[in-house]
Amino acid sequence: MYAAAALIYWLIVAIWAAVFATLVSYYVRNPLTFGTTRLLLAVLAIDTARNIFENIYFGLYFGGQYGLLPVELVTVLGKPAFLIIPKILNVIAGCVVLGLLLYRWLPSAVSERGRAEQRAQDLENLAAVDGLTGPVQSAALRGAGPRRVGALPTLRAPALAFAARRRPLQAGQ
């Protein structure tokens, strides 16, 4: 049972090393991946590296304690000055992830939401315009190259003439 308790750390290291290799290869091979996805991959890579280090440390410690590795590892890695290293690494990883979220992801998300709200407002304004009275160019399309809205000629004069010829509805009709 002691061997299983010590060897489980090395199984965890192998699994997380495979995860880390996958993350790094995806991150490097796809440099044009969207920012949010790359940020997620960076956060996962940071946590994976921390997890690998922590499991190697305790795998060595418990491997030595259970007789699978030299006993000297227990005396060295069991000192409080060394035991705190994985926890310090954990704090550093947490601070880096928090910094990435606060200084990169959050401002990007707020900016993206503002652009989405502006686009929604522009589309709402565009949808409220009757095709016969002429198009209204949205703010998103102004100065964006060729005019997309109202590319066909408008029928303002005939539409106004038709509206003037119609008689008003009488009450009860």
Protein backbone atom coordinates (compact mmCIF):
# COMPACT_ATOMS: atom_id res chain seq x y z
CA MET A 1 0.00 0.00 0.00
CA TYR A 2 2.93 2.32 0.71
CA ALA A 3 4.22 1.82 -2.82
CA ALA A 4 0.83 2.78 -4.27
CA ALA A 5 0.69 5.89 -2.11
CA ALA A 6 4.14 6.96 -3.31
CA LEU A 7 3.68 5.96 -6.95
CA ILE A 8 0.38 7.82 -7.35
CA TYR A 9 2.37 11.06 -7.36
CA TRP A 10 4.34 9.88 -10.39
CA LEU A 11 1.15 8.88 -12.19
CA ILE A 12 -0.20 12.36 -11.52
CA VAL A 13 3.05 13.88 -12.80
CA ALA A 14 2.83 11.81 -16.01
CA ILE A 15 -0.77 12.85 -16.64
CA TRP A 16 -0.12 16.53 -15.98
CA ALA A 17 3.06 16.41 -18.09
CA ALA A 18 0.92 15.17 -21.00
CA VAL A 19 -1.56 17.99 -20.35
CA PHE A 20 1.28 20.51 -20.21
CA ALA A 21 2.81 19.24 -23.46
CA THR A 22 -0.60 19.48 -25.16
CA LEU A 23 -1.13 23.02 -23.90
CA VAL A 24 2.32 24.21 -24.97
CA SER A 25 2.06 22.62 -28.42
CA TYR A 26 -1.39 24.13 -29.01
CA TYR A 27 -0.25 27.52 -27.74
CA VAL A 28 2.85 27.54 -29.96
CA ARG A 29 1.26 26.04 -33.11
CA ASN A 30 -1.75 28.37 -33.13
CA PRO A 31 -0.46 31.91 -32.59
CA LEU A 32 -3.58 33.45 -34.17
CA THR A 33 -5.97 31.83 -31.73
CA PHE A 34 -8.43 34.24 -30.15
CA GLY A 35 -7.15 36.16 -27.13
CA THR A 36 -9.51 34.59 -24.62
CA THR A 37 -8.52 31.08 -25.69
CA ARG A 38 -4.82 31.91 -25.48
CA LEU A 39 -5.37 33.43 -22.04
CA LEU A 40 -7.16 30.27 -20.92
CA LEU A 41 -4.28 28.16 -22.23
CA ALA A 42 -1.78 30.36 -20.38
CA VAL A 43 -3.72 30.03 -17.11
CA LEU A 44 -3.95 26.26 -17.56
CA ALA A 45 -0.22 26.05 -18.35
CA ILE A 46 0.65 28.01 -15.20
CA ASP A 47 -1.52 25.78 -13.03
CA THR A 48 -0.25 22.63 -14.73
CA ALA A 49 3.40 23.61 -14.19
CA ARG A 50 2.65 24.33 -10.53
CA ASN A 51 0.87 20.99 -10.17
CA ILE A 52 3.75 19.09 -11.79
CA PHE A 53 6.32 20.73 -9.50
CA GLU A 54 4.23 20.06 -6.39
CA ASN A 55 3.67 16.40 -7.27
CA ILE A 56 7.35 15.83 -8.09
CA TYR A 57 8.30 17.35 -4.75
CA PHE A 58 5.88 15.24 -2.72
CA GLY A 59 6.53 12.19 -4.90
CA LEU A 60 10.21 12.42 -3.97
CA TYR A 61 9.36 13.07 -0.33
CA PHE A 62 6.91 10.19 0.11
CA GLY A 63 8.97 7.90 -2.13
CA GLY A 64 11.85 8.38 0.28
CA GLN A 65 9.61 8.04 3.32
CA TYR A 66 8.17 4.72 2.08
CA GLY A 67 11.55 3.30 1.07
CA LEU A 68 11.20 3.50 -2.71
CA LEU A 69 13.80 6.28 -2.97
CA PRO A 70 16.79 7.16 -0.76
CA VAL A 71 15.84 8.07 2.81
CA GLU A 72 18.04 11.18 2.60
CA LEU A 73 15.31 12.81 0.49
CA VAL A 74 12.97 12.74 3.49
CA THR A 75 15.43 14.54 5.74
CA VAL A 76 16.19 17.19 3.11
CA LEU A 77 12.68 17.72 1.70
CA GLY A 78 11.05 17.43 5.13
CA LYS A 79 12.69 20.58 6.45
CA PRO A 80 10.21 23.44 6.90
CA ALA A 81 12.31 25.74 4.72
CA PHE A 82 11.87 23.31 1.80
CA LEU A 83 8.30 22.27 2.61
CA ILE A 84 7.17 25.84 2.11
CA ILE A 85 8.57 26.00 -1.47
CA PRO A 86 5.55 24.29 -3.13
CA LYS A 87 3.21 26.59 -1.21
CA ILE A 88 5.17 29.69 -2.23
CA LEU A 89 5.01 28.48 -5.82
CA ASN A 90 1.26 28.04 -5.39
CA VAL A 91 0.90 31.63 -4.15
CA ILE A 92 3.03 32.95 -7.04
CA ALA A 93 0.97 31.00 -9.59
CA GLY A 94 -2.25 32.34 -8.06
CA CYS A 95 -0.96 35.92 -8.21
CA VAL A 96 0.13 35.54 -11.84
CA VAL A 97 -3.28 34.12 -12.81
CA LEU A 98 -5.06 36.88 -10.89
CA GLY A 99 -2.87 39.48 -12.59
CA LEU A 100 -3.65 38.02 -16.02
CA LEU A 101 -7.35 38.11 -15.28
CA LEU A 102 -7.40 41.62 -13.84
CA TYR A 103 -4.99 43.33 -16.21
CA ARG A 104 -5.61 41.50 -19.46
CA TRP A 105 -8.88 39.57 -19.56
CA LEU A 106 -11.16 41.93 -17.62
CA PRO A 107 -10.30 45.11 -19.61
CA SER A 108 -10.61 43.12 -22.83
CA ALA A 109 -14.01 41.74 -21.79
CA VAL A 110 -15.30 45.20 -20.83
CA SER A 111 -14.12 46.63 -24.15
CA GLU A 112 -15.66 43.75 -26.08
CA ARG A 113 -18.97 44.22 -24.29
CA GLY A 114 -18.95 47.94 -25.15
CA ARG A 115 -18.36 47.13 -28.82
CA ALA A 116 -21.14 44.52 -28.76
CA GLU A 117 -23.58 46.97 -27.18
CA GLN A 118 -22.67 49.65 -29.75
CA ARG A 119 -23.15 47.17 -32.59
CA ALA A 120 -26.50 46.08 -31.18
CA GLN A 121 -27.60 49.72 -30.96
CA ASP A 122 -26.45 50.34 -34.53
CA LEU A 123 -28.33 47.29 -35.79
CA GLU A 124 -31.43 48.33 -33.86
CA ASN A 125 -31.30 51.78 -35.44
CA LEU A 126 -30.80 50.24 -38.85
CA ALA A 127 -33.73 47.87 -38.39
CA ALA A 128 -36.02 50.76 -37.44
CA VAL A 129 -35.59 52.48 -40.82
CA ASP A 130 -38.14 51.92 -43.56
CA GLY A 131 -36.53 50.97 -46.89
CA LEU A 132 -38.76 53.38 -48.80
CA THR A 133 -37.76 56.44 -46.83
CA GLY A 134 -34.06 55.90 -47.34
CA PRO A 135 -31.33 54.14 -45.46
CA VAL A 136 -29.62 55.48 -42.40
CA GLN A 137 -25.97 54.62 -42.30
CA SER A 138 -24.98 53.09 -38.93
CA ALA A 139 -22.07 54.48 -36.95
CA ALA A 140 -20.22 51.17 -37.34
CA LEU A 141 -20.26 51.49 -41.14
CA ARG A 142 -19.29 55.15 -41.43
CA GLY A 143 -15.87 55.44 -42.96
CA ALA A 144 -15.56 51.66 -43.29
CA GLY A 145 -14.95 51.57 -47.01
CA PRO A 146 -17.69 51.12 -49.59
CA ARG A 147 -21.18 51.90 -48.45
CA ARG A 148 -23.06 48.70 -47.73
CA VAL A 149 -26.34 50.08 -46.51
CA GLY A 150 -28.55 51.46 -49.24
CA ALA A 151 -26.38 50.32 -52.11
CA LEU A 152 -29.46 50.28 -54.32
CA PRO A 153 -30.92 53.64 -55.35
CA THR A 154 -33.68 54.82 -53.07
CA LEU A 155 -37.18 55.64 -54.17
CA ARG A 156 -37.73 58.78 -52.10
CA ALA A 157 -39.50 60.94 -54.64
CA PRO A 158 -41.98 58.28 -55.86
CA ALA A 159 -42.61 57.13 -52.29
CA LEU A 160 -43.36 60.69 -51.18
CA ALA A 161 -45.63 61.24 -54.18
CA PHE A 162 -47.51 58.03 -53.43
CA ALA A 163 -47.91 59.02 -49.78
CA ALA A 164 -49.29 62.43 -50.81
CA ARG A 165 -51.91 60.85 -53.15
CA ARG A 166 -53.30 58.50 -50.53
CA ARG A 167 -56.34 59.80 -48.81
CA PRO A 168 -56.37 59.75 -45.02
CA LEU A 169 -58.32 57.00 -43.27
CA GLN A 170 -61.70 58.04 -42.00
CA ALA A 171 -62.90 57.04 -38.58
CA GLY A 172 -64.66 53.67 -38.68
CA GLN A 173 -62.93 52.35 -41.82
